[in-house]
């Protein structure tokens, strides 16, 4: 196996690990935020509008990280490792 093929293979593996890790972390974070919001609303129903506002702000900030990680992963995939160029050389 050539060195170009190894670089392409490990870059694709790293890309998959980054995306799956970010998706898992974001899902766990979203679940924690939502569960704490439901607990807070159960304790103080009159504070529901404020709690929901801050919940959606928290979820919005939390969802920014996967988007940033996705952009960085594509940058590594397409620019740093130049996987499309490496795959074109292999054929």
Protein backbone atom coordinates (compact mmCIF):
# COMPACT_ATOMS: atom_id res chain seq x y z
CA UNK A 1 0.00 0.00 0.00
CA UNK A 2 1.41 3.37 -0.97
CA UNK A 3 1.92 6.25 1.43
CA UNK A 4 -0.74 8.31 -0.39
CA UNK A 5 -3.30 5.56 0.18
CA UNK A 6 -2.41 5.38 3.86
CA UNK A 7 -2.73 9.14 4.27
CA UNK A 8 -6.13 9.09 2.54
CA UNK A 9 -7.33 6.14 4.63
CA UNK A 10 -6.27 7.59 7.96
CA UNK A 11 -7.65 11.02 7.07
CA UNK A 12 -11.03 9.48 6.26
CA UNK A 13 -10.89 7.53 9.52
CA UNK A 14 -10.07 10.69 11.48
CA UNK A 15 -12.90 12.50 9.69
CA UNK A 16 -15.37 9.83 10.77
CA UNK A 17 -14.12 9.86 14.36
CA UNK A 18 -14.38 13.65 14.56
CA UNK A 19 -17.91 13.72 13.18
CA UNK A 20 -19.18 10.86 15.34
CA UNK A 21 -17.57 12.28 18.48
CA UNK A 22 -19.06 15.71 17.91
CA UNK A 23 -22.50 14.26 17.15
CA UNK A 24 -22.43 12.12 20.30
CA UNK A 25 -21.25 14.99 22.49
CA UNK A 26 -23.83 17.36 21.09
CA UNK A 27 -26.64 14.85 21.58
CA UNK A 28 -25.64 14.26 25.20
CA UNK A 29 -25.41 18.01 25.81
CA UNK A 30 -28.81 18.68 24.23
CA UNK A 31 -30.33 15.95 26.37
CA UNK A 32 -28.83 17.39 29.54
CA UNK A 33 -30.02 20.91 28.76
CA UNK A 34 -33.55 19.75 27.95
CA UNK A 35 -33.82 17.51 31.02
CA UNK A 36 -32.67 20.28 33.35
CA UNK A 37 -35.15 22.67 31.75
CA UNK A 38 -38.00 20.22 32.33
CA UNK A 39 -36.90 19.77 35.95
CA UNK A 40 -36.80 23.53 36.43
CA UNK A 41 -40.24 24.02 34.91
CA UNK A 42 -41.62 21.27 37.17
CA UNK A 43 -40.27 23.10 40.22
CA UNK A 44 -41.34 26.59 39.15
CA UNK A 45 -44.06 26.53 36.49
CA UNK A 46 -44.46 30.32 36.61
CA UNK A 47 -40.87 30.75 35.38
CA UNK A 48 -41.53 28.69 32.23
CA UNK A 49 -41.01 31.51 29.66
CA UNK A 50 -37.65 32.51 31.15
CA UNK A 51 -36.49 28.91 31.46
CA UNK A 52 -37.43 28.11 27.86
CA UNK A 53 -35.66 31.26 26.62
CA UNK A 54 -32.44 30.27 28.33
CA UNK A 55 -32.85 26.65 27.25
CA UNK A 56 -33.06 27.65 23.59
CA UNK A 57 -30.08 29.99 24.00
CA UNK A 58 -28.08 27.16 25.55
CA UNK A 59 -29.07 24.69 22.84
CA UNK A 60 -28.19 27.27 20.18
CA UNK A 61 -24.72 27.80 21.63
CA UNK A 62 -24.31 24.05 22.04
CA UNK A 63 -25.21 23.44 18.39
CA UNK A 64 -22.54 25.89 17.22
CA UNK A 65 -19.76 23.50 18.23
CA UNK A 66 -20.75 20.65 15.87
CA UNK A 67 -21.00 23.10 12.98
CA UNK A 68 -17.53 24.44 13.74
CA UNK A 69 -16.16 20.90 14.09
CA UNK A 70 -17.76 19.88 10.81
CA UNK A 71 -16.13 22.82 9.06
CA UNK A 72 -12.73 21.98 10.56
CA UNK A 73 -13.10 18.31 9.64
CA UNK A 74 -13.89 19.19 6.03
CA UNK A 75 -10.93 21.60 6.03
CA UNK A 76 -8.62 18.80 7.15
CA UNK A 77 -10.17 16.40 4.66
CA UNK A 78 -10.12 18.65 1.60
CA UNK A 79 -7.31 21.15 2.17
CA UNK A 80 -4.74 19.80 4.60
CA UNK A 81 -4.70 16.16 3.48
CA UNK A 82 -6.03 16.84 -0.05
CA UNK A 83 -7.85 13.50 -0.09
CA UNK A 84 -9.58 14.08 -3.48
CA UNK A 85 -6.17 14.69 -5.08
CA UNK A 86 -4.75 11.60 -3.39
CA UNK A 87 -7.65 9.47 -4.55
CA UNK A 88 -7.26 10.75 -8.10
CA UNK A 89 -3.58 9.69 -8.05
CA UNK A 90 -4.53 6.18 -6.95
CA UNK A 91 -6.77 5.55 -9.96
